[in-house]
Amino acid sequence: MKIIKKLKGLNHKHFLVYIFVIVLMTITFACTASQSYLSEEEKLKKAEALRNLGEAHWLSGNYTAALSKLLDAEKLDPQNPYIHDDLGLVYIAKGRPDLAIGHFKKALVIKPEFTPAMNNLGTAYLARKEWDLAISIFKKINGDLLYATPYMPLSNIGWAYYNKKQYALAKKYYINALKMEPQFVTALHGLGLTYTALGEYAQAIKTFNKGVKLAPGYANIYLAIGNAYRWLRDYKKALKNYKKVIELAEENSMVAIEATKKMNGLK
């Protein structure tokens, strides 16, 4: 009776809004109730389906949709290490390595031998420029003889030491990574940068060119070649490589802006 009296006192517009709210609350309650009555097996199946959708969105670059699906999956199956690992990867893609770290750690608590999640944790520390923490993680992985791609943590250690300006150590780890996988372009790029920092410009250019042959569309490596030629005062070749960056990179991307600045400095 109280609800009927209240409705009689509303104008048409407010009446429609009131009805909409009631309907929305009813639908929400029904969805929540139906989900609470799912069996444990049904919850796990639904969580897996949501995880697969989240991964598909992540691979297509739709990180917001991926996050939404994976968070729903986590509610249904909070002890699934793969869901936490996926959430960490999405948070890294969205520029939130701080949130990613928590999920990678949860994945490792649930499944301590989950080496890919450990590697991703190290990558999150790299993104936060926490070099020493990253190095400690990647060194643990380096001791895992069953890890399928051991050259990746070696290269990541090289990158951490490069940023710590410990170039001799960076060089050592990059070379070790390339012994395992000579065509790993990331390690070739990092080793070239290390040679540049050491003042070994000719060796740097030689290393970068190996990377160019393997990945001719990689704009960052042309920027690095241009910088090495600039140190050698070969401005003609430096300019040529900076122009290649502009040709390959997305307009207004960081690498394109950097190449434009360097080009302008040579004019």
Protein backbone atom coordinates (compact mmCIF):
# COMPACT_ATOMS: atom_id res chain seq x y z
CA MET A 1 0.00 0.00 0.00
CA LYS A 2 2.84 2.39 0.83
CA ILE A 3 4.43 1.83 -2.63
CA ILE A 4 1.05 2.43 -4.39
CA LYS A 5 0.50 5.69 -2.47
CA LYS A 6 4.06 6.77 -3.35
CA LEU A 7 3.51 6.02 -7.05
CA LYS A 8 0.27 8.02 -7.11
CA GLY A 9 2.18 11.07 -5.94
CA LEU A 10 4.73 10.93 -8.81
CA ASN A 11 4.40 12.80 -12.10
CA HIS A 12 4.65 10.84 -15.38
CA LYS A 13 8.39 11.46 -15.87
CA HIS A 14 9.33 10.49 -12.33
CA PHE A 15 7.00 7.49 -12.53
CA LEU A 16 8.89 6.12 -15.57
CA VAL A 17 12.25 6.65 -13.86
CA TYR A 18 10.99 4.89 -10.75
CA ILE A 19 9.74 1.91 -12.75
CA PHE A 20 13.08 1.73 -14.67
CA VAL A 21 15.03 1.59 -11.41
CA ILE A 22 12.81 -1.19 -10.05
CA VAL A 23 13.18 -3.21 -13.27
CA LEU A 24 16.96 -2.72 -13.26
CA MET A 25 17.21 -3.82 -9.63
CA THR A 26 15.08 -6.88 -10.41
CA ILE A 27 17.29 -7.88 -13.35
CA THR A 28 20.48 -7.37 -11.32
CA PHE A 29 19.08 -9.42 -8.43
CA ALA A 30 18.01 -12.18 -10.83
CA CYS A 31 21.46 -12.33 -12.45
CA THR A 32 23.20 -12.39 -9.09
CA ALA A 33 20.83 -15.00 -7.74
CA SER A 34 21.15 -17.22 -10.82
CA GLN A 35 24.94 -17.02 -10.61
CA SER A 36 24.91 -17.92 -6.91
CA TYR A 37 22.97 -21.10 -7.73
CA LEU A 38 25.57 -22.30 -10.25
CA SER A 39 27.30 -25.51 -9.28
CA GLU A 40 31.05 -25.40 -8.70
CA GLU A 41 31.63 -27.17 -12.00
CA GLU A 42 29.40 -24.68 -13.85
CA LYS A 43 31.26 -21.75 -12.27
CA LEU A 44 34.62 -23.13 -13.41
CA LYS A 45 33.33 -23.70 -16.94
CA LYS A 46 31.90 -20.17 -17.12
CA ALA A 47 35.16 -18.74 -15.73
CA GLU A 48 37.14 -20.59 -18.41
CA ALA A 49 34.84 -19.25 -21.15
CA LEU A 50 35.24 -15.70 -19.80
CA ARG A 51 39.00 -16.16 -19.62
CA ASN A 52 39.09 -17.27 -23.26
CA LEU A 53 37.07 -14.20 -24.24
CA GLY A 54 39.40 -11.98 -22.23
CA GLU A 55 42.46 -13.44 -23.92
CA ALA A 56 40.87 -12.92 -27.35
CA HIS A 57 40.20 -9.25 -26.53
CA TRP A 58 43.76 -8.87 -25.22
CA LEU A 59 45.25 -10.33 -28.41
CA SER A 60 43.13 -7.96 -30.51
CA GLY A 61 44.28 -4.96 -28.48
CA ASN A 62 40.93 -4.30 -26.79
CA TYR A 63 42.37 -4.16 -23.29
CA THR A 64 39.35 -2.62 -21.54
CA ALA A 65 37.04 -5.40 -22.76
CA ALA A 66 39.70 -7.97 -21.86
CA LEU A 67 39.93 -6.59 -18.32
CA SER A 68 36.16 -6.69 -17.87
CA LYS A 69 35.90 -10.37 -18.89
CA LEU A 70 38.89 -11.43 -16.83
CA LEU A 71 37.66 -9.67 -13.70
CA ASP A 72 34.35 -11.52 -14.10
CA ALA A 73 36.30 -14.76 -14.52
CA GLU A 74 38.29 -14.03 -11.36
CA LYS A 75 35.07 -13.65 -9.33
CA LEU A 76 34.00 -17.14 -10.41
CA ASP A 77 37.39 -18.81 -10.05
CA PRO A 78 39.64 -16.70 -7.78
CA GLN A 79 42.18 -19.51 -7.31
CA ASN A 80 42.94 -19.90 -11.02
CA PRO A 81 46.61 -18.88 -11.59
CA TYR A 82 46.09 -18.49 -15.35
CA ILE A 83 43.36 -15.90 -14.84
CA HIS A 84 45.66 -13.91 -12.53
CA ASP A 85 48.49 -14.17 -15.07
CA ASP A 86 46.18 -12.90 -17.82
CA LEU A 87 44.99 -10.03 -15.61
CA GLY A 88 48.61 -9.06 -15.01
CA LEU A 89 49.33 -9.01 -18.75
CA VAL A 90 46.28 -6.81 -19.40
CA TYR A 91 47.26 -4.38 -16.64
CA ILE A 92 50.75 -4.11 -18.17
CA ALA A 93 49.16 -3.42 -21.57
CA LYS A 94 47.06 -0.69 -19.93
CA GLY A 95 50.17 0.89 -18.42
CA ARG A 96 49.50 -0.26 -14.84
CA PRO A 97 52.40 -2.57 -13.92
CA ASP A 98 51.75 -1.72 -10.26
CA LEU A 99 48.42 -3.57 -10.46
CA ALA A 100 49.92 -6.31 -12.63
CA ILE A 101 52.49 -7.22 -9.98
CA GLY A 102 49.81 -8.22 -7.45
CA HIS A 103 48.17 -10.62 -9.90
CA PHE A 104 51.44 -12.22 -10.98
CA LYS A 105 52.29 -12.76 -7.31
CA LYS A 106 48.87 -14.34 -6.68
CA ALA A 107 49.43 -16.67 -9.65
CA LEU A 108 52.76 -17.75 -8.15
CA VAL A 109 51.29 -18.29 -4.67
CA ILE A 110 48.68 -20.59 -6.20
CA LYS A 111 51.16 -22.28 -8.57
CA PRO A 112 54.79 -21.68 -7.47
CA GLU A 113 56.26 -23.52 -10.48
CA PHE A 114 54.40 -21.25 -12.94
CA THR A 115 57.54 -19.92 -14.68
CA PRO A 116 55.79 -17.81 -17.36
CA ALA A 117 54.03 -15.86 -14.58
CA MET A 118 57.41 -15.35 -12.89
CA ASN A 119 58.84 -14.03 -16.17
CA ASN A 120 55.86 -11.68 -16.48
CA LEU A 121 56.45 -10.49 -12.91
CA GLY A 122 60.01 -9.63 -13.87
CA THR A 123 58.71 -7.76 -16.92
CA ALA A 124 56.39 -5.74 -14.68
CA TYR A 125 59.36 -4.78 -12.49
CA LEU A 126 61.22 -3.70 -15.66
CA ALA A 127 58.24 -1.51 -16.58
CA ARG A 128 58.46 0.11 -13.13
CA LYS A 129 62.25 0.53 -13.54
CA GLU A 130 62.85 -1.62 -10.47
CA TRP A 131 65.96 -3.10 -12.03
CA ASP A 132 67.34 -5.08 -9.09
CA LEU A 133 64.01 -6.79 -8.39
CA ALA A 134 63.70 -7.65 -12.07
CA ILE A 135 67.22 -9.09 -12.17
CA SER A 136 66.55 -11.30 -9.13
CA ILE A 137 63.39 -12.68 -10.77
CA PHE A 138 65.01 -13.36 -14.14
CA LYS A 139 68.00 -15.05 -12.51
CA LYS A 140 65.61 -17.47 -10.79
CA ILE A 141 64.06 -18.29 -14.16
CA ASN A 142 67.50 -18.72 -15.70
CA GLY A 143 68.03 -21.64 -13.33
CA ASP A 144 64.88 -23.39 -14.57
CA LEU A 145 66.20 -25.97 -17.04
CA LEU A 146 62.67 -26.76 -18.24
CA TYR A 147 61.87 -23.18 -19.31
CA ALA A 148 61.23 -23.23 -23.06
CA THR A 149 62.73 -19.82 -23.93
CA PRO A 150 65.73 -19.26 -21.62
CA TYR A 151 67.15 -16.57 -23.91
CA MET A 152 64.31 -14.21 -22.94
CA PRO A 153 65.18 -13.84 -19.23
CA LEU A 154 68.86 -13.53 -20.21
CA SER A 155 68.00 -10.67 -22.55
CA ASN A 156 65.82 -9.07 -19.86
CA ILE A 157 68.72 -9.22 -17.41
CA GLY A 158 70.83 -7.52 -20.06
CA TRP A 159 68.25 -4.74 -20.35
CA ALA A 160 68.16 -4.24 -16.58
CA TYR A 161 71.96 -3.99 -16.37
CA TYR A 162 71.99 -1.63 -19.36
CA ASN A 163 69.63 0.71 -17.51
CA LYS A 164 71.80 0.42 -14.39
CA LYS A 165 74.70 1.56 -16.65
CA GLN A 166 76.55 -1.66 -15.88
CA TYR A 167 77.38 -2.14 -19.54
CA ALA A 168 79.92 -4.96 -19.21
CA LEU A 169 77.31 -7.12 -17.48
CA ALA A 170 74.63 -6.09 -19.96
CA LYS A 171 76.92 -7.12 -22.84
CA LYS A 172 77.61 -10.48 -21.21
CA TYR A 173 73.93 -11.38 -20.79
CA TYR A 174 72.92 -10.18 -24.25
CA ILE A 175 75.70 -12.25 -25.84
CA ASN A 176 74.62 -15.32 -23.83
CA ALA A 177 71.01 -14.79 -24.98
CA LEU A 178 72.12 -14.57 -28.61
CA LYS A 179 74.18 -17.75 -28.30
CA MET A 180 70.92 -19.53 -27.51
CA GLU A 181 68.83 -17.68 -30.10
CA PRO A 182 70.90 -15.73 -32.69
CA GLN A 183 67.75 -14.34 -34.32
CA PHE A 184 66.30 -12.77 -31.18
CA VAL A 185 65.90 -9.18 -32.40
CA THR A 186 65.23 -7.73 -28.93
CA ALA A 187 68.64 -8.98 -27.75
CA LEU A 188 70.35 -7.68 -30.92
CA HIS A 189 68.81 -4.27 -30.32
CA GLY A 190 69.85 -4.28 -26.65
CA LEU A 191 73.38 -5.44 -27.45
CA GLY A 192 73.69 -2.71 -30.08
CA LEU A 193 72.60 -0.09 -27.54
CA THR A 194 75.15 -1.48 -25.10
CA TYR A 195 77.95 -1.24 -27.69
CA THR A 196 76.84 2.36 -28.36
CA ALA A 197 77.02 3.18 -24.64
CA LEU A 198 80.52 1.66 -24.54
CA GLY A 199 81.59 3.82 -27.49
CA GLU A 200 81.98 0.81 -29.79
CA TYR A 201 79.96 2.41 -32.58
CA ALA A 202 81.11 0.27 -35.52
CA GLN A 203 80.27 -2.91 -33.57
CA ALA A 204 76.93 -1.38 -32.59
CA ILE A 205 76.00 -0.66 -36.23
CA LYS A 206 77.02 -4.18 -37.25
CA THR A 207 74.78 -5.63 -34.51
CA PHE A 208 71.85 -3.36 -35.38
CA ASN A 209 72.10 -4.34 -39.05
CA LYS A 210 71.68 -7.99 -38.10
CA GLY A 211 68.44 -6.97 -36.43
CA VAL A 212 67.32 -4.98 -39.48
CA LYS A 213 67.70 -8.05 -41.70
CA LEU A 214 65.45 -10.02 -39.36
CA ALA A 215 62.92 -7.24 -38.67
CA PRO A 216 63.05 -4.61 -41.46
CA GLY A 217 59.92 -2.90 -40.16
CA TYR A 218 61.24 -2.28 -36.64
CA ALA A 219 61.47 1.53 -36.43
CA ASN A 220 63.33 1.66 -33.09
CA ILE A 221 66.36 -0.11 -34.48
CA TYR A 222 66.74 2.48 -37.28
CA LEU A 223 66.69 5.21 -34.63
CA ALA A 224 69.50 3.40 -32.81
CA ILE A 225 71.52 3.08 -36.06
CA GLY A 226 71.02 6.79 -36.73
CA ASN A 227 72.28 7.64 -33.25
CA ALA A 228 75.38 5.47 -33.72
CA TYR A 229 76.21 7.16 -37.05
CA ARG A 230 75.65 10.52 -35.36
CA TRP A 231 78.31 9.66 -32.78
CA LEU A 232 80.62 8.74 -35.69
CA ARG A 233 79.81 12.15 -37.27
CA ASP A 234 78.51 10.42 -40.37
CA TYR A 235 75.53 12.74 -40.56
CA LYS A 236 74.42 11.67 -44.03
CA LYS A 237 73.85 8.06 -42.90
CA ALA A 238 72.38 9.24 -39.61
CA LEU A 239 69.83 11.36 -41.50
CA LYS A 240 68.98 8.45 -43.80
CA ASN A 241 68.12 6.22 -40.82
CA TYR A 242 66.12 8.92 -39.04
CA LYS A 243 64.04 9.34 -42.21
CA LYS A 244 63.45 5.58 -42.21
CA VAL A 245 62.07 5.86 -38.68
CA ILE A 246 59.58 8.53 -39.82
CA GLU A 247 58.59 6.31 -42.72
CA LEU A 248 57.92 3.26 -40.53
CA ALA A 249 56.68 4.63 -37.21
CA GLU A 250 53.18 5.81 -36.39
CA GLU A 251 52.74 9.55 -36.60
CA ASN A 252 53.27 11.29 -33.24
CA SER A 253 54.66 8.10 -31.67
CA MET A 254 57.57 8.58 -29.25
CA VAL A 255 60.08 7.05 -31.67
CA ALA A 256 58.87 9.29 -34.53
CA ILE A 257 59.08 12.41 -32.33
CA GLU A 258 62.61 11.46 -31.22
CA ALA A 259 63.75 10.86 -34.80
CA THR A 260 62.31 14.22 -35.89
CA LYS A 261 64.19 16.02 -33.10
CA LYS A 262 67.44 14.31 -34.11
CA MET A 263 66.86 15.18 -37.78
CA ASN A 264 66.24 18.81 -36.95
CA GLY A 265 69.43 18.87 -34.94
CA LEU A 266 71.40 17.83 -38.03
CA LYS A 267 69.99 20.59 -40.27
